[in-house]
């Protein structure tokens, strides 16, 4: 029963989602990278800050591989599409032999308000926590 002096609502307010992370977590670093990278592309487009994020979070070998992939496909190699997603989600998948794999789900909304998803499998090196591979998760 509601308190007599209250507005009459008895239901509790919805919980506010918490976000947290740790710089030592390989999965958190993938989430941090995708969150920051998507924010930058959304706010200012591909430029110096997007390049700096790639330099900080990706291995040199992956950066070189992405240049080749982007030249051949004419899409952003990190996202595997041309546009900027409306949401992203990162979850742990597996780890072995010095690597950790995370699944990244990117959510897109087209001009007709239809929702689409792109799923990626992202490899990170456990020793450096740098992202060393990105491929479609089929």
Protein backbone atom coordinates (compact mmCIF):
# COMPACT_ATOMS: atom_id res chain seq x y z
CA UNK A 1 0.00 0.00 0.00
CA UNK A 2 1.25 3.49 -0.81
CA UNK A 3 2.09 5.88 1.97
CA UNK A 4 -0.82 8.32 2.47
CA UNK A 5 1.39 11.32 1.67
CA UNK A 6 2.97 9.76 -1.43
CA UNK A 7 1.89 10.08 -5.04
CA UNK A 8 0.20 6.72 -4.83
CA UNK A 9 2.87 4.79 -6.75
CA UNK A 10 3.84 1.54 -5.17
CA UNK A 11 6.23 0.24 -7.82
CA UNK A 12 9.94 0.85 -7.42
CA UNK A 13 11.72 2.96 -10.05
CA UNK A 14 13.51 1.06 -12.78
CA UNK A 15 17.11 0.22 -11.99
CA UNK A 16 19.71 2.42 -13.64
CA UNK A 17 22.10 0.29 -15.69
CA UNK A 18 25.61 0.20 -14.28
CA UNK A 19 28.72 0.20 -16.38
CA UNK A 20 32.08 -0.86 -15.07
CA UNK A 21 35.34 -2.27 -16.24
CA UNK A 22 38.95 -2.97 -15.43
CA UNK A 23 42.05 -2.05 -17.43
CA UNK A 24 43.41 -5.56 -16.88
CA UNK A 25 40.37 -7.26 -18.43
CA UNK A 26 40.82 -8.19 -22.08
CA UNK A 27 37.04 -8.31 -22.61
CA UNK A 28 36.59 -4.87 -21.00
CA UNK A 29 39.27 -3.44 -23.28
CA UNK A 30 37.39 -4.74 -26.35
CA UNK A 31 34.20 -3.17 -24.99
CA UNK A 32 36.04 0.08 -24.22
CA UNK A 33 37.49 0.19 -27.73
CA UNK A 34 34.20 -0.48 -29.52
CA UNK A 35 32.33 1.99 -27.30
CA UNK A 36 34.86 4.78 -27.81
CA UNK A 37 35.36 4.05 -31.52
CA UNK A 38 31.62 4.09 -32.24
CA UNK A 39 31.20 7.29 -30.19
CA UNK A 40 33.94 9.01 -32.20
CA UNK A 41 32.51 7.91 -35.54
CA UNK A 42 29.04 9.01 -34.46
CA UNK A 43 30.23 12.40 -33.17
CA UNK A 44 32.92 13.44 -35.62
CA UNK A 45 33.43 10.74 -38.23
CA UNK A 46 36.65 8.97 -39.06
CA UNK A 47 39.56 11.24 -38.29
CA UNK A 48 42.55 11.67 -36.02
CA UNK A 49 40.82 10.42 -32.87
CA UNK A 50 39.53 7.25 -34.57
CA UNK A 51 43.06 6.65 -35.87
CA UNK A 52 44.50 7.23 -32.38
CA UNK A 53 42.06 4.71 -30.88
CA UNK A 54 43.10 2.13 -33.47
CA UNK A 55 46.76 2.81 -32.66
CA UNK A 56 46.15 2.38 -28.94
CA UNK A 57 43.91 -0.72 -28.94
CA UNK A 58 44.94 -2.69 -32.06
CA UNK A 59 48.17 -4.51 -32.88
CA UNK A 60 50.29 -3.11 -35.70
CA UNK A 61 49.64 -6.29 -37.69
CA UNK A 62 45.88 -5.91 -37.40
CA UNK A 63 46.06 -2.23 -38.38
CA UNK A 64 47.95 -3.20 -41.55
CA UNK A 65 45.48 -5.99 -42.28
CA UNK A 66 42.55 -3.57 -41.85
CA UNK A 67 44.06 -1.15 -44.38
CA UNK A 68 44.14 -3.96 -46.96
CA UNK A 69 40.63 -5.18 -46.04
CA UNK A 70 39.17 -1.66 -46.21
CA UNK A 71 40.79 -1.01 -49.57
CA UNK A 72 39.26 -4.18 -51.00
CA UNK A 73 35.79 -3.86 -49.39
CA UNK A 74 35.30 -0.06 -49.11
CA UNK A 75 33.93 -0.45 -45.57
CA UNK A 76 35.23 0.20 -42.07
CA UNK A 77 37.24 -2.91 -41.16
CA UNK A 78 36.59 -2.60 -37.43
CA UNK A 79 32.82 -2.51 -37.93
CA UNK A 80 32.69 -4.42 -41.27
CA UNK A 81 30.13 -1.94 -42.70
CA UNK A 82 29.98 1.64 -44.00
CA UNK A 83 27.68 3.25 -41.42
CA UNK A 84 27.82 3.75 -37.64
CA UNK A 85 25.88 1.33 -35.39
CA UNK A 86 23.18 2.52 -33.01
CA UNK A 87 24.27 0.08 -30.26
CA UNK A 88 26.92 -2.50 -29.44
CA UNK A 89 27.37 -5.43 -27.05
CA UNK A 90 30.53 -7.38 -26.14
CA UNK A 91 30.59 -10.78 -24.44
CA UNK A 92 33.36 -13.23 -23.57
CA UNK A 93 33.55 -16.25 -25.87
CA UNK A 94 36.68 -18.31 -25.20
CA UNK A 95 40.39 -18.18 -24.43
CA UNK A 96 43.31 -20.48 -25.22
CA UNK A 97 46.89 -20.44 -26.46
CA UNK A 98 47.55 -16.87 -25.35
CA UNK A 99 44.42 -15.40 -26.90
CA UNK A 100 40.95 -14.34 -25.78
CA UNK A 101 37.96 -14.25 -28.13
CA UNK A 102 34.99 -11.98 -27.61
CA UNK A 103 31.76 -11.76 -29.54
CA UNK A 104 30.75 -8.26 -30.59
CA UNK A 105 27.20 -7.60 -31.72
CA UNK A 106 26.59 -4.32 -33.52
CA UNK A 107 23.03 -3.08 -33.97
CA UNK A 108 22.01 -1.00 -36.99
CA UNK A 109 18.82 0.76 -37.90
CA UNK A 110 18.18 1.47 -41.56
CA UNK A 111 16.19 4.35 -43.03
CA UNK A 112 13.01 2.27 -42.77
CA UNK A 113 13.63 1.76 -39.03
CA UNK A 114 14.41 -1.94 -39.56
CA UNK A 115 16.91 -3.31 -37.05
CA UNK A 116 19.89 -5.34 -38.29
CA UNK A 117 22.82 -6.96 -36.48
CA UNK A 118 26.43 -7.54 -37.42
CA UNK A 119 28.23 -10.14 -35.34
CA UNK A 120 32.01 -10.17 -35.06
CA UNK A 121 34.51 -12.47 -33.42
CA UNK A 122 37.35 -10.40 -31.99
CA UNK A 123 40.69 -11.92 -30.99
CA UNK A 124 42.92 -10.28 -28.37
CA UNK A 125 46.42 -11.18 -27.22
CA UNK A 126 46.31 -12.00 -23.50
CA UNK A 127 49.88 -10.79 -22.87
CA UNK A 128 49.27 -7.28 -24.25
CA UNK A 129 45.44 -7.13 -24.17
CA UNK A 130 45.63 -5.65 -27.70
CA UNK A 131 43.08 -6.61 -30.32
CA UNK A 132 44.85 -8.75 -32.90
CA UNK A 133 42.05 -10.05 -35.12
CA UNK A 134 38.51 -9.18 -36.27
CA UNK A 135 36.34 -11.40 -38.42
CA UNK A 136 32.68 -11.99 -39.17
CA UNK A 137 31.04 -14.33 -36.64
CA UNK A 138 28.96 -16.67 -38.76
